[in-house]
Amino acid sequence: MIDLRSDTVTKPSENMLHAMSNAQVGDDVFGEDPTVNELQEYAAELFGKEAAIFCASGTQTNQIAINLHVQPGAEVICHYESHVFKYEGGGIAKNSGASTRTVGGNRGRIDVSEIEPWINPANDVHYPLTQLVSIEDTSNRGGGAIYDFEQIKRIKKFCLEKKLPLHLDGARVFNALVENNVEIKEYGSQFDSISICLSKGLGAPVGSLLLGDSAFINRARRVRKVFGGGMRQAGFIAAGGLYALKNNIERLKDDHRRAKAIEKKLLKMPWVDDVLSVETNIVVCILKDASRVTEFVTKFHSKGIQIMPFGKGMLRMVTHLDISEKDIIEVGTFIETLE
């Protein structure tokens, strides 16, 4: 199968497996796993943060961050298509007892103009307290759309003025960083907390990191434990993440180039209404006939190509390090046969 459903389907490379099988390990709950510690220190330094904590998933790192930033009954501002709202099982309400104020914006990206009207008055008991702004870069539902860095800086300035923390769901942040050419530490300085996934485009089998200042991450350790996320000899999986950070960032450009090749093919097809402009590794195709989603998913699958339905009238294809040039040619050739 050529699996284009997600960049989470990758398998560890031979070199990554070697790093994992040879990892030095200890008990991470005691803070004694040397490989986990190295991964955390490496990632924190990369973004100019004081500390990091290794967790099982991006959902876990997002939910820990939100739990630390907000109190029960408070409110989080995020885009209505954001992962923290749409794809984390109602975790903001269940884990933190907080509500969400979802706002609009272009392809999953929000601007100050969408945030400002929804800052609740702190002295009016009718409203929940606004306590956090969360953004996602790149935006999954936006087809891998990248934030303009100036837009992020405007949001940060606004949050500082309003004394609000700013959280980044950076599940695919490295896809953004290899394209926007912003220095990573400068980018990282805009956020009070950052969640990064190692198991998407970077190709590690499991794991995410939450980054912030030392006091924040010390508090995160307690919340991780409460959420059942304490791991013991986690260095075996942390080694895969460390290898990914050191070796698999720049190669993300290959995924982007291959996604653009799929986009180019799709735009020529009479059954395609549009394709969200490909900026990174996610291709979202909008069908002229919205009722044909299942039909097309089935047709692709019959030819050994797995893709995802992505809502009404939409298909999603995601390139990653297990997709080759040969695969892209095969996918493109098949697309040309469809009517």
C-alpha atoms as a PDB file:
ATOM      1  CA  MET A   1       0.000   0.000   0.000  1.00  0.00           C
ATOM      2  CA  ILE A   2       0.965   3.603  -0.664  1.00  0.00           C
ATOM      3  CA  ASP A   3      -0.362   5.063   2.566  1.00  0.00           C
ATOM      4  CA  LEU A   4      -1.279   8.753   2.207  1.00  0.00           C
ATOM      5  CA  ARG A   5      -3.777   8.814   5.076  1.00  0.00           C
ATOM      6  CA  SER A   6      -1.438  10.611   7.467  1.00  0.00           C
ATOM      7  CA  ASP A   7       2.201  11.280   8.278  1.00  0.00           C
ATOM      8  CA  THR A   8       1.626   9.312  11.495  1.00  0.00           C
ATOM      9  CA  VAL A   9       1.886   5.980   9.632  1.00  0.00           C
ATOM     10  CA  THR A  10       5.667   6.029   9.144  1.00  0.00           C
ATOM     11  CA  LYS A  11       7.883   3.191  10.355  1.00  0.00           C
ATOM     12  CA  PRO A  12      11.276   3.792  12.001  1.00  0.00           C
ATOM     13  CA  SER A  13      14.220   3.676   9.602  1.00  0.00           C
ATOM     14  CA  GLU A  14      17.072   1.231  10.134  1.00  0.00           C
ATOM     15  CA  ASN A  15      19.238   3.993  11.627  1.00  0.00           C
ATOM     16  CA  MET A  16      16.447   5.120  13.935  1.00  0.00           C
ATOM     17  CA  LEU A  17      15.863   1.537  15.085  1.00  0.00           C
ATOM     18  CA  HIS A  18      19.582   1.182  15.786  1.00  0.00           C
ATOM     19  CA  ALA A  19      19.483   4.321  17.940  1.00  0.00           C
ATOM     20  CA  MET A  20      16.432   3.016  19.784  1.00  0.00           C
ATOM     21  CA  SER A  21      17.788  -0.465  20.433  1.00  0.00           C
ATOM     22  CA  ASN A  22      21.055   0.952  21.767  1.00  0.00           C
ATOM     23  CA  ALA A  23      19.523   3.634  23.977  1.00  0.00           C
ATOM     24  CA  GLN A  24      20.678   4.054  27.558  1.00  0.00           C
ATOM     25  CA  VAL A  25      17.631   3.960  29.828  1.00  0.00           C
ATOM     26  CA  GLY A  26      16.520   4.543  33.398  1.00  0.00           C
ATOM     27  CA  ASP A  27      13.314   5.362  35.268  1.00  0.00           C
ATOM     28  CA  ASP A  28      11.936   8.564  33.775  1.00  0.00           C
ATOM     29  CA  VAL A  29       9.385   9.113  36.563  1.00  0.00           C
ATOM     30  CA  PHE A  30      12.424   9.454  38.818  1.00  0.00           C
ATOM     31  CA  GLY A  31      14.037  11.692  36.188  1.00  0.00           C
ATOM     32  CA  GLU A  32      16.754   9.076  35.679  1.00  0.00           C
ATOM     33  CA  ASP A  33      16.416   8.124  32.020  1.00  0.00           C
ATOM     34  CA  PRO A  34      19.494   9.636  30.314  1.00  0.00           C
ATOM     35  CA  THR A  35      18.051   9.420  26.802  1.00  0.00           C
ATOM     36  CA  VAL A  36      14.774  11.078  27.788  1.00  0.00           C
ATOM     37  CA  ASN A  37      16.763  13.793  29.560  1.00  0.00           C
ATOM     38  CA  GLU A  38      18.935  14.327  26.504  1.00  0.00           C
ATOM     39  CA  LEU A  39      15.887  14.573  24.246  1.00  0.00           C
ATOM     40  CA  GLN A  40      14.206  17.090  26.550  1.00  0.00           C
ATOM     41  CA  GLU A  41      17.335  19.217  26.846  1.00  0.00           C
ATOM     42  CA  TYR A  42      17.976  19.110  23.093  1.00  0.00           C
ATOM     43  CA  ALA A  43      14.423  20.179  22.204  1.00  0.00           C
ATOM     44  CA  ALA A  44      14.312  22.923  24.824  1.00  0.00           C
ATOM     45  CA  GLU A  45      17.612  24.352  23.601  1.00  0.00           C
ATOM     46  CA  LEU A  46      16.435  24.171  19.993  1.00  0.00           C
ATOM     47  CA  PHE A  47      13.498  26.487  20.746  1.00  0.00           C
ATOM     48  CA  GLY A  48      15.262  28.623  23.338  1.00  0.00           C
ATOM     49  CA  LYS A  49      13.156  27.313  26.209  1.00  0.00           C
ATOM     50  CA  GLU A  50      14.325  26.410  29.692  1.00  0.00           C
ATOM     51  CA  ALA A  51      12.878  22.912  29.842  1.00  0.00           C
ATOM     52  CA  ALA A  52      10.781  20.221  28.173  1.00  0.00           C
ATOM     53  CA  ILE A  53       8.862  17.103  29.140  1.00  0.00           C
ATOM     54  CA  PHE A  54       8.487  13.955  27.028  1.00  0.00           C
ATOM     55  CA  CYS A  55       4.930  12.639  26.712  1.00  0.00           C
ATOM     56  CA  ALA A  56       3.048   9.936  24.849  1.00  0.00           C
ATOM     57  CA  SER A  57       1.205  12.132  22.349  1.00  0.00           C
ATOM     58  CA  GLY A  58       0.475  15.614  21.098  1.00  0.00           C
ATOM     59  CA  THR A  59      -2.981  15.420  22.616  1.00  0.00           C
ATOM     60  CA  GLN A  60      -1.365  14.763  25.980  1.00  0.00           C
ATOM     61  CA  THR A  61       1.077  17.677  25.702  1.00  0.00           C
ATOM     62  CA  ASN A  62      -1.711  20.024  24.582  1.00  0.00           C
ATOM     63  CA  GLN A  63      -4.006  18.909  27.375  1.00  0.00           C
ATOM     64  CA  ILE A  64      -1.305  19.235  30.030  1.00  0.00           C
ATOM     65  CA  ALA A  65      -0.507  22.761  28.843  1.00  0.00           C
ATOM     66  CA  ILE A  66      -4.149  23.825  28.859  1.00  0.00           C
ATOM     67  CA  ASN A  67      -4.629  22.330  32.324  1.00  0.00           C
ATOM     68  CA  LEU A  68      -1.730  24.403  33.624  1.00  0.00           C
ATOM     69  CA  HIS A  69      -2.760  27.653  31.951  1.00  0.00           C
ATOM     70  CA  VAL A  70      -6.470  27.709  32.842  1.00  0.00           C
ATOM     71  CA  GLN A  71      -8.630  27.213  35.904  1.00  0.00           C
ATOM     72  CA  PRO A  72     -11.936  25.307  35.968  1.00  0.00           C
ATOM     73  CA  GLY A  73     -14.668  27.535  34.591  1.00  0.00           C
ATOM     74  CA  ALA A  74     -12.248  29.634  32.552  1.00  0.00           C
ATOM     75  CA  GLU A  75     -12.162  29.915  28.756  1.00  0.00           C
ATOM     76  CA  VAL A  76      -9.695  29.069  25.993  1.00  0.00           C
ATOM     77  CA  ILE A  77      -9.745  30.957  22.689  1.00  0.00           C
ATOM     78  CA  CYS A  78      -8.888  28.828  19.643  1.00  0.00           C
ATOM     79  CA  HIS A  79      -9.934  28.311  16.028  1.00  0.00           C
ATOM     80  CA  TYR A  80     -13.099  26.270  15.503  1.00  0.00           C
ATOM     81  CA  GLU A  81     -11.098  23.803  13.362  1.00  0.00           C
ATOM     82  CA  SER A  82      -8.184  23.523  15.812  1.00  0.00           C
ATOM     83  CA  HIS A  83      -6.998  20.135  16.988  1.00  0.00           C
ATOM     84  CA  VAL A  84      -7.309  21.064  20.682  1.00  0.00           C
ATOM     85  CA  PHE A  85     -11.014  21.700  20.143  1.00  0.00           C
ATOM     86  CA  LYS A  86     -12.002  19.296  17.376  1.00  0.00           C
ATOM     87  CA  TYR A  87      -9.873  16.180  17.810  1.00  0.00           C
ATOM     88  CA  GLU A  88      -8.989  15.788  21.483  1.00  0.00           C
ATOM     89  CA  GLY A  89     -12.177  14.158  22.730  1.00  0.00           C
ATOM     90  CA  GLY A  90     -13.544  17.183  24.550  1.00  0.00           C
ATOM     91  CA  GLY A  91     -10.443  17.156  26.724  1.00  0.00           C
ATOM     92  CA  ILE A  92     -10.533  20.869  27.535  1.00  0.00           C
ATOM     93  CA  ALA A  93     -13.872  20.372  29.280  1.00  0.00           C
ATOM     94  CA  LYS A  94     -13.194  16.929  30.732  1.00  0.00           C
ATOM     95  CA  ASN A  95      -9.598  17.400  31.890  1.00  0.00           C
ATOM     96  CA  SER A  96      -9.603  21.063  32.881  1.00  0.00           C
ATOM     97  CA  GLY A  97     -13.258  21.980  33.413  1.00  0.00           C
ATOM     98  CA  ALA A  98     -12.814  24.881  31.010  1.00  0.00           C
ATOM     99  CA  SER A  99     -14.911  26.152  28.116  1.00  0.00           C
ATOM    100  CA  THR A 100     -13.806  27.133  24.639  1.00  0.00           C
ATOM    101  CA  ARG A 101     -14.474  30.245  22.608  1.00  0.00           C
ATOM    102  CA  THR A 102     -13.964  29.110  19.043  1.00  0.00           C
ATOM    103  CA  VAL A 103     -13.304  31.768  16.426  1.00  0.00           C
ATOM    104  CA  GLY A 104     -12.942  31.887  12.664  1.00  0.00           C
ATOM    105  CA  GLY A 105      -9.970  32.678  10.476  1.00  0.00           C
ATOM    106  CA  ASN A 106      -8.300  31.763   7.233  1.00  0.00           C
ATOM    107  CA  ARG A 107      -7.601  28.018   6.861  1.00  0.00           C
ATOM    108  CA  GLY A 108      -7.338  27.394  10.587  1.00  0.00           C
ATOM    109  CA  ARG A 109      -5.249  30.499  11.262  1.00  0.00           C
ATOM    110  CA  ILE A 110      -6.580  33.268  13.485  1.00  0.00           C
ATOM    111  CA  ASP A 111      -5.604  36.907  13.763  1.00  0.00           C
ATOM    112  CA  VAL A 112      -5.898  39.490  16.504  1.00  0.00           C
ATOM    113  CA  SER A 113      -9.074  40.783  14.883  1.00  0.00           C
ATOM    114  CA  GLU A 114     -10.752  37.414  15.572  1.00  0.00           C
ATOM    115  CA  ILE A 115      -9.462  37.244  19.158  1.00  0.00           C
ATOM    116  CA  GLU A 116     -10.035  40.769  20.429  1.00  0.00           C
ATOM    117  CA  PRO A 117     -13.868  40.786  20.456  1.00  0.00           C
ATOM    118  CA  TRP A 118     -13.970  37.673  22.624  1.00  0.00           C
ATOM    119  CA  ILE A 119     -11.839  38.760  25.572  1.00  0.00           C
ATOM    120  CA  ASN A 120     -14.376  38.578  28.387  1.00  0.00           C
ATOM    121  CA  PRO A 121     -14.588  41.382  30.979  1.00  0.00           C
ATOM    122  CA  ALA A 122     -12.885  40.139  34.138  1.00  0.00           C
ATOM    123  CA  ASN A 123     -15.178  42.149  36.418  1.00  0.00           C
ATOM    124  CA  ASP A 124     -18.444  40.754  35.009  1.00  0.00           C
ATOM    125  CA  VAL A 125     -19.471  37.554  36.794  1.00  0.00           C
ATOM    126  CA  HIS A 126     -21.717  36.509  33.907  1.00  0.00           C
ATOM    127  CA  TYR A 127     -18.718  35.573  31.743  1.00  0.00           C
ATOM    128  CA  PRO A 128     -16.003  32.936  32.075  1.00  0.00           C
ATOM    129  CA  LEU A 129     -12.534  34.362  32.530  1.00  0.00           C
ATOM    130  CA  THR A 130     -10.484  34.381  29.328  1.00  0.00           C
ATOM    131  CA  GLN A 131      -7.231  32.708  30.339  1.00  0.00           C
ATOM    132  CA  LEU A 132      -5.512  31.307  27.235  1.00  0.00           C
ATOM    133  CA  VAL A 133      -5.084  31.736  23.484  1.00  0.00           C
ATOM    134  CA  SER A 134      -4.067  28.625  21.526  1.00  0.00           C
ATOM    135  CA  ILE A 135      -2.973  28.493  17.879  1.00  0.00           C
ATOM    136  CA  GLU A 136      -1.950  25.615  15.588  1.00  0.00           C
ATOM    137  CA  ASP A 137       0.955  25.838  13.132  1.00  0.00           C
ATOM    138  CA  THR A 138       0.719  24.251  10.666  1.00  0.00           C
ATOM    139  CA  SER A 139      -3.059  23.918  10.588  1.00  0.00           C
ATOM    140  CA  ASN A 140      -4.188  20.345   9.920  1.00  0.00           C
ATOM    141  CA  ARG A 141      -7.745  21.246   8.924  1.00  0.00           C
ATOM    142  CA  GLY A 142      -6.369  24.155   6.928  1.00  0.00           C
ATOM    143  CA  GLY A 143      -4.495  21.719   4.690  1.00  0.00           C
ATOM    144  CA  GLY A 144      -1.093  22.307   6.285  1.00  0.00           C
ATOM    145  CA  ALA A 145      -1.365  26.101   6.123  1.00  0.00           C
ATOM    146  CA  ILE A 146       1.523  28.056   7.672  1.00  0.00           C
ATOM    147  CA  TYR A 147       1.128  31.116   9.876  1.00  0.00           C
ATOM    148  CA  ASP A 148       2.809  34.276   8.695  1.00  0.00           C
ATOM    149  CA  PHE A 149       5.332  35.029  11.437  1.00  0.00           C
ATOM    150  CA  GLU A 150       4.241  38.662  11.581  1.00  0.00           C
ATOM    151  CA  GLN A 151       0.742  37.426  12.338  1.00  0.00           C
ATOM    152  CA  ILE A 152       2.087  35.355  15.246  1.00  0.00           C
ATOM    153  CA  LYS A 153       4.001  38.357  16.569  1.00  0.00           C
ATOM    154  CA  ARG A 154       0.825  40.464  16.496  1.00  0.00           C
ATOM    155  CA  ILE A 155      -1.007  37.796  18.483  1.00  0.00           C
ATOM    156  CA  LYS A 156       1.859  37.630  20.994  1.00  0.00           C
ATOM    157  CA  LYS A 157       1.872  41.414  21.433  1.00  0.00           C
ATOM    158  CA  PHE A 158      -1.876  41.382  22.014  1.00  0.00           C
ATOM    159  CA  CYS A 159      -1.610  38.535  24.533  1.00  0.00           C
ATOM    160  CA  LEU A 160       1.077  40.402  26.448  1.00  0.00           C
ATOM    161  CA  GLU A 161      -1.130  43.467  26.598  1.00  0.00           C
ATOM    162  CA  LYS A 162      -4.017  41.360  27.903  1.00  0.00           C
ATOM    163  CA  LYS A 163      -1.768  39.321  30.228  1.00  0.00           C
ATOM    164  CA  LEU A 164      -2.801  36.097  28.485  1.00  0.00           C
ATOM    165  CA  PRO A 165      -0.506  33.116  27.859  1.00  0.00           C
ATOM    166  CA  LEU A 166      -0.110  31.934  24.258  1.00  0.00           C
ATOM    167  CA  HIS A 167       0.107  28.202  23.548  1.00  0.00           C
ATOM    168  CA  LEU A 168       1.307  26.614  20.315  1.00  0.00           C
ATOM    169  CA  ASP A 169      -0.005  23.300  19.094  1.00  0.00           C
ATOM    170  CA  GLY A 170       3.047  22.652  16.964  1.00  0.00           C
ATOM    171  CA  ALA A 171       2.208  19.114  15.893  1.00  0.00           C
ATOM    172  CA  ARG A 172       3.723  19.930  12.482  1.00  0.00           C
ATOM    173  CA  VAL A 173       5.679  23.035  13.450  1.00  0.00           C
ATOM    174  CA  PHE A 174       8.859  21.865  11.697  1.00  0.00           C
ATOM    175  CA  ASN A 175       6.941  21.720   8.418  1.00  0.00           C
ATOM    176  CA  ALA A 176       6.312  25.426   8.941  1.00  0.00           C
ATOM    177  CA  LEU A 177       9.844  26.236  10.045  1.00  0.00           C
ATOM    178  CA  VAL A 178      11.579  24.698   7.028  1.00  0.00           C
ATOM    179  CA  GLU A 179       9.416  26.884   4.783  1.00  0.00           C
ATOM    180  CA  ASN A 180       9.151  30.214   6.597  1.00  0.00           C
ATOM    181  CA  ASN A 181      12.906  30.497   7.301  1.00  0.00           C
ATOM    182  CA  VAL A 182      12.294  31.989  10.760  1.00  0.00           C
ATOM    183  CA  GLU A 183      15.075  31.300  13.264  1.00  0.00           C
ATOM    184  CA  ILE A 184      13.741  28.618  15.608  1.00  0.00           C
ATOM    185  CA  LYS A 185      14.611  30.395  18.863  1.00  0.00           C
ATOM    186  CA  GLU A 186      12.985  33.604  17.650  1.00  0.00           C
ATOM    187  CA  TYR A 187       9.896  31.629  16.698  1.00  0.00           C
ATOM    188  CA  GLY A 188       9.872  29.849  20.056  1.00  0.00           C
ATOM    189  CA  SER A 189      10.142  33.118  21.982  1.00  0.00           C
ATOM    190  CA  GLN A 190       6.603  34.049  20.928  1.00  0.00           C
ATOM    191  CA  PHE A 191       4.989  31.277  22.985  1.00  0.00           C
ATOM    192  CA  ASP A 192       4.570  30.532  26.677  1.00  0.00           C
ATOM    193  CA  SER A 193       4.214  26.828  25.930  1.00  0.00           C
ATOM    194  CA  ILE A 194       4.896  24.741  22.842  1.00  0.00           C
ATOM    195  CA  SER A 195       3.736  21.228  21.964  1.00  0.00           C
ATOM    196  CA  ILE A 196       5.736  19.453  19.263  1.00  0.00           C
ATOM    197  CA  CYS A 197       5.074  15.995  17.798  1.00  0.00           C
ATOM    198  CA  LEU A 198       7.890  13.612  16.951  1.00  0.00           C
ATOM    199  CA  SER A 199       5.630  10.992  15.366  1.00  0.00           C
ATOM    200  CA  LYS A 200       4.369  12.912  12.336  1.00  0.00           C
ATOM    201  CA  GLY A 201       6.665  14.303   9.644  1.00  0.00           C
ATOM    202  CA  LEU A 202       9.766  13.649  11.728  1.00  0.00           C
ATOM    203  CA  GLY A 203       9.071   9.923  11.554  1.00  0.00           C
ATOM    204  CA  ALA A 204       9.489   8.764  15.151  1.00  0.00           C
ATOM    205  CA  PRO A 205       7.122   5.938  16.153  1.00  0.00           C
ATOM    206  CA  VAL A 206       5.680   7.664  19.225  1.00  0.00           C
ATOM    207  CA  GLY A 207       6.008  10.733  21.410  1.00  0.00           C
ATOM    208  CA  SER A 208       5.614  14.467  21.794  1.00  0.00           C
ATOM    209  CA  LEU A 209       7.272  17.175  23.850  1.00  0.00           C
ATOM    210  CA  LEU A 210       5.910  20.078  25.854  1.00  0.00           C
ATOM    211  CA  LEU A 211       8.272  23.042  26.153  1.00  0.00           C
ATOM    212  CA  GLY A 212       8.213  26.022  28.500  1.00  0.00           C
ATOM    213  CA  ASP A 213      10.037  27.613  31.402  1.00  0.00           C
ATOM    214  CA  SER A 214      11.381  25.448  34.210  1.00  0.00           C
ATOM    215  CA  ALA A 215       8.601  26.215  36.687  1.00  0.00           C
ATOM    216  CA  PHE A 216       5.946  25.417  34.075  1.00  0.00           C
ATOM    217  CA  ILE A 217       7.538  22.089  33.146  1.00  0.00           C
ATOM    218  CA  ASN A 218       7.982  21.123  36.812  1.00  0.00           C
ATOM    219  CA  ARG A 219       4.239  21.618  37.235  1.00  0.00           C
ATOM    220  CA  ALA A 220       3.664  19.682  34.011  1.00  0.00           C
ATOM    221  CA  ARG A 221       5.326  16.613  35.541  1.00  0.00           C
ATOM    222  CA  ARG A 222       2.627  16.444  38.202  1.00  0.00           C
ATOM    223  CA  VAL A 223      -0.176  16.838  35.641  1.00  0.00           C
ATOM    224  CA  ARG A 224       1.385  14.215  33.372  1.00  0.00           C
ATOM    225  CA  LYS A 225       1.390  11.808  36.317  1.00  0.00           C
ATOM    226  CA  VAL A 226      -2.255  12.610  37.129  1.00  0.00           C
ATOM    227  CA  PHE A 227      -3.179  12.020  33.481  1.00  0.00           C
ATOM    228  CA  GLY A 228      -1.538   8.584  33.668  1.00  0.00           C
ATOM    229  CA  GLY A 229       1.360   9.650  31.481  1.00  0.00           C
ATOM    230  CA  GLY A 230       4.317   8.769  33.661  1.00  0.00           C
ATOM    231  CA  MET A 231       6.633   6.408  31.749  1.00  0.00           C
ATOM    232  CA  ARG A 232       9.488   4.329  33.084  1.00  0.00           C
ATOM    233  CA  GLN A 233      12.301   3.176  30.771  1.00  0.00           C
ATOM    234  CA  ALA A 234      11.070   5.526  28.053  1.00  0.00           C
ATOM    235  CA  GLY A 235      14.527   6.095  26.598  1.00  0.00           C
ATOM    236  CA  PHE A 236      13.929   3.427  23.977  1.00  0.00           C
ATOM    237  CA  ILE A 237      11.203   5.528  22.364  1.00  0.00           C
ATOM    238  CA  ALA A 238      12.838   8.845  23.250  1.00  0.00           C
ATOM    239  CA  ALA A 239      15.874   7.764  21.216  1.00  0.00           C
ATOM    240  CA  GLY A 240      13.668   7.619  18.118  1.00  0.00           C
ATOM    241  CA  GLY A 241      12.518  11.163  18.780  1.00  0.00           C
ATOM    242  CA  LEU A 242      16.055  12.390  19.373  1.00  0.00           C
ATOM    243  CA  TYR A 243      17.214  10.799  16.121  1.00  0.00           C
ATOM    244  CA  ALA A 244      14.264  12.435  14.333  1.00  0.00           C
ATOM    245  CA  LEU A 245      15.098  15.914  15.635  1.00  0.00           C
ATOM    246  CA  LYS A 246      18.732  15.561  14.650  1.00  0.00           C
ATOM    247  CA  ASN A 247      18.214  14.030  11.208  1.00  0.00           C
ATOM    248  CA  ASN A 248      14.723  14.476   9.806  1.00  0.00           C
ATOM    249  CA  ILE A 249      13.888  18.195   9.863  1.00  0.00           C
ATOM    250  CA  GLU A 250      15.409  19.468   6.622  1.00  0.00           C
ATOM    251  CA  ARG A 251      14.145  16.479   4.646  1.00  0.00           C
ATOM    252  CA  LEU A 252      10.562  17.688   5.259  1.00  0.00           C
ATOM    253  CA  LYS A 253      11.044  19.819   2.155  1.00  0.00           C
ATOM    254  CA  ASP A 254      10.984  16.587   0.123  1.00  0.00           C
ATOM    255  CA  ASP A 255       7.513  15.839   1.489  1.00  0.00           C
ATOM    256  CA  HIS A 256       6.361  19.328   0.560  1.00  0.00           C
ATOM    257  CA  ARG A 257       7.674  18.995  -2.976  1.00  0.00           C
ATOM    258  CA  ARG A 258       5.904  15.673  -3.402  1.00  0.00           C
ATOM    259  CA  ALA A 259       2.652  17.091  -2.052  1.00  0.00           C
ATOM    260  CA  LYS A 260       2.888  19.893  -4.619  1.00  0.00           C
ATOM    261  CA  ALA A 261       3.266  17.262  -7.348  1.00  0.00           C
ATOM    262  CA  ILE A 262       0.000  15.631  -6.255  1.00  0.00           C
ATOM    263  CA  GLU A 263      -1.686  19.034  -6.133  1.00  0.00           C
ATOM    264  CA  LYS A 264      -0.570  19.753  -9.696  1.00  0.00           C
ATOM    265  CA  LYS A 265      -2.124  16.505 -10.950  1.00  0.00           C
ATOM    266  CA  LEU A 266      -5.389  17.026  -9.089  1.00  0.00           C
ATOM    267  CA  LEU A 267      -5.899  20.563 -10.397  1.00  0.00           C
ATOM    268  CA  LYS A 268      -6.019  19.210 -13.942  1.00  0.00           C
ATOM    269  CA  MET A 269      -8.845  16.773 -13.252  1.00  0.00           C
ATOM    270  CA  PRO A 270     -12.427  17.609 -14.273  1.00  0.00           C
ATOM    271  CA  TRP A 271     -13.879  16.018 -11.105  1.00  0.00           C
ATOM    272  CA  VAL A 272     -11.871  18.349  -8.869  1.00  0.00           C
ATOM    273  CA  ASP A 273     -13.418  21.667  -7.923  1.00  0.00           C
ATOM    274  CA  ASP A 274     -10.338  22.995  -6.123  1.00  0.00           C
ATOM    275  CA  VAL A 275      -7.323  22.065  -4.027  1.00  0.00           C
ATOM    276  CA  LEU A 276      -6.366  24.024  -0.934  1.00  0.00           C
ATOM    277  CA  SER A 277      -3.091  25.666  -1.919  1.00  0.00           C
ATOM    278  CA  VAL A 278      -0.388  23.244  -0.788  1.00  0.00           C
ATOM    279  CA  GLU A 279       2.094  24.893   1.585  1.00  0.00           C
ATOM    280  CA  THR A 280       3.546  21.850   3.307  1.00  0.00           C
ATOM    281  CA  ASN A 281       2.794  18.101   3.208  1.00  0.00           C
ATOM    282  CA  ILE A 282      -1.021  18.026   3.319  1.00  0.00           C
ATOM    283  CA  VAL A 283      -3.150  17.957   0.174  1.00  0.00           C
ATOM    284  CA  VAL A 284      -6.876  18.674   0.561  1.00  0.00           C
ATOM    285  CA  CYS A 285      -8.914  18.105  -2.581  1.00  0.00           C
ATOM    286  CA  ILE A 286     -12.440  19.519  -2.929  1.00  0.00           C
ATOM    287  CA  LEU A 287     -14.676  17.478  -5.213  1.00  0.00           C
ATOM    288  CA  LYS A 288     -17.162  18.985  -7.640  1.00  0.00           C
ATOM    289  CA  ASP A 289     -19.667  16.378  -6.483  1.00  0.00           C
ATOM    290  CA  ALA A 290     -19.532  16.183  -2.686  1.00  0.00           C
ATOM    291  CA  SER A 291     -21.445  12.900  -2.676  1.00  0.00           C
ATOM    292  CA  ARG A 292     -18.523  11.029  -4.314  1.00  0.00           C
ATOM    293  CA  VAL A 293     -16.112  11.043  -1.362  1.00  0.00           C
ATOM    294  CA  THR A 294     -16.584   7.380  -0.423  1.00  0.00           C
ATOM    295  CA  GLU A 295     -16.475   6.396  -4.092  1.00  0.00           C
ATOM    296  CA  PHE A 296     -13.074   8.015  -4.620  1.00  0.00           C
ATOM    297  CA  VAL A 297     -11.626   6.659  -1.357  1.00  0.00           C
ATOM    298  CA  THR A 298     -12.675   3.176  -2.500  1.00  0.00           C
ATOM    299  CA  LYS A 299     -11.217   3.655  -5.979  1.00  0.00           C
ATOM    300  CA  PHE A 300      -7.845   4.744  -4.594  1.00  0.00           C
ATOM    301  CA  HIS A 301      -7.823   1.837  -2.150  1.00  0.00           C
ATOM    302  CA  SER A 302      -8.541  -0.644  -4.939  1.00  0.00           C
ATOM    303  CA  LYS A 303      -5.278   0.459  -6.564  1.00  0.00           C
ATOM    304  CA  GLY A 304      -3.277   0.115  -3.363  1.00  0.00           C
ATOM    305  CA  ILE A 305      -3.414   3.811  -2.400  1.00  0.00           C
ATOM    306  CA  GLN A 306      -4.885   4.783   0.953  1.00  0.00           C
ATOM    307  CA  ILE A 307      -6.342   8.283   1.355  1.00  0.00           C
ATOM    308  CA  MET A 308      -8.677   9.920   3.877  1.00  0.00           C
ATOM    309  CA  PRO A 309     -12.175  11.370   3.618  1.00  0.00           C
ATOM    310  CA  PHE A 310     -11.859  14.839   5.121  1.00  0.00           C
ATOM    311  CA  GLY A 311     -15.367  16.115   5.601  1.00  0.00           C
ATOM    312  CA  LYS A 312     -18.107  16.970   3.156  1.00  0.00           C
ATOM    313  CA  GLY A 313     -16.811  16.753  -0.406  1.00  0.00           C
ATOM    314  CA  MET A 314     -13.136  16.632   0.587  1.00  0.00           C
ATOM    315  CA  LEU A 315     -10.279  14.138   0.327  1.00  0.00           C
ATOM    316  CA  ARG A 316      -6.941  14.365   2.174  1.00  0.00           C
ATOM    317  CA  MET A 317      -3.542  13.015   1.167  1.00  0.00           C
ATOM    318  CA  VAL A 318      -0.439  13.467   3.308  1.00  0.00           C
ATOM    319  CA  THR A 319       3.148  12.886   2.164  1.00  0.00           C
ATOM    320  CA  HIS A 320       5.836  11.653   4.539  1.00  0.00           C
ATOM    321  CA  LEU A 321       9.247   9.990   4.681  1.00  0.00           C
ATOM    322  CA  ASP A 322       7.879   6.576   3.674  1.00  0.00           C
ATOM    323  CA  ILE A 323       6.508   7.994   0.401  1.00  0.00           C
ATOM    324  CA  SER A 324       9.025   7.816  -2.456  1.00  0.00           C
ATOM    325  CA  GLU A 325       9.341   9.554  -5.802  1.00  0.00           C
ATOM    326  CA  LYS A 326       8.190   6.311  -7.407  1.00  0.00           C
ATOM    327  CA  ASP A 327       5.075   6.348  -5.215  1.00  0.00           C
ATOM    328  CA  ILE A 328       4.260   9.907  -6.278  1.00  0.00           C
ATOM    329  CA  ILE A 329       4.562   8.985  -9.950  1.00  0.00           C
ATOM    330  CA  GLU A 330       2.266   5.997  -9.377  1.00  0.00           C
ATOM    331  CA  VAL A 331      -0.298   8.140  -7.539  1.00  0.00           C
ATOM    332  CA  GLY A 332      -0.179  10.811 -10.243  1.00  0.00           C
ATOM    333  CA  THR A 333      -0.633   8.241 -13.004  1.00  0.00           C
ATOM    334  CA  PHE A 334      -3.652   6.766 -11.247  1.00  0.00           C
ATOM    335  CA  ILE A 335      -5.229  10.183 -10.661  1.00  0.00           C
ATOM    336  CA  GLU A 336      -5.103  10.785 -14.411  1.00  0.00           C
ATOM    337  CA  THR A 337      -7.245   7.661 -15.013  1.00  0.00           C
ATOM    338  CA  LEU A 338     -10.105   8.777 -12.761  1.00  0.00           C
ATOM    339  CA  GLU A 339     -13.301  10.296 -14.092  1.00  0.00           C
END
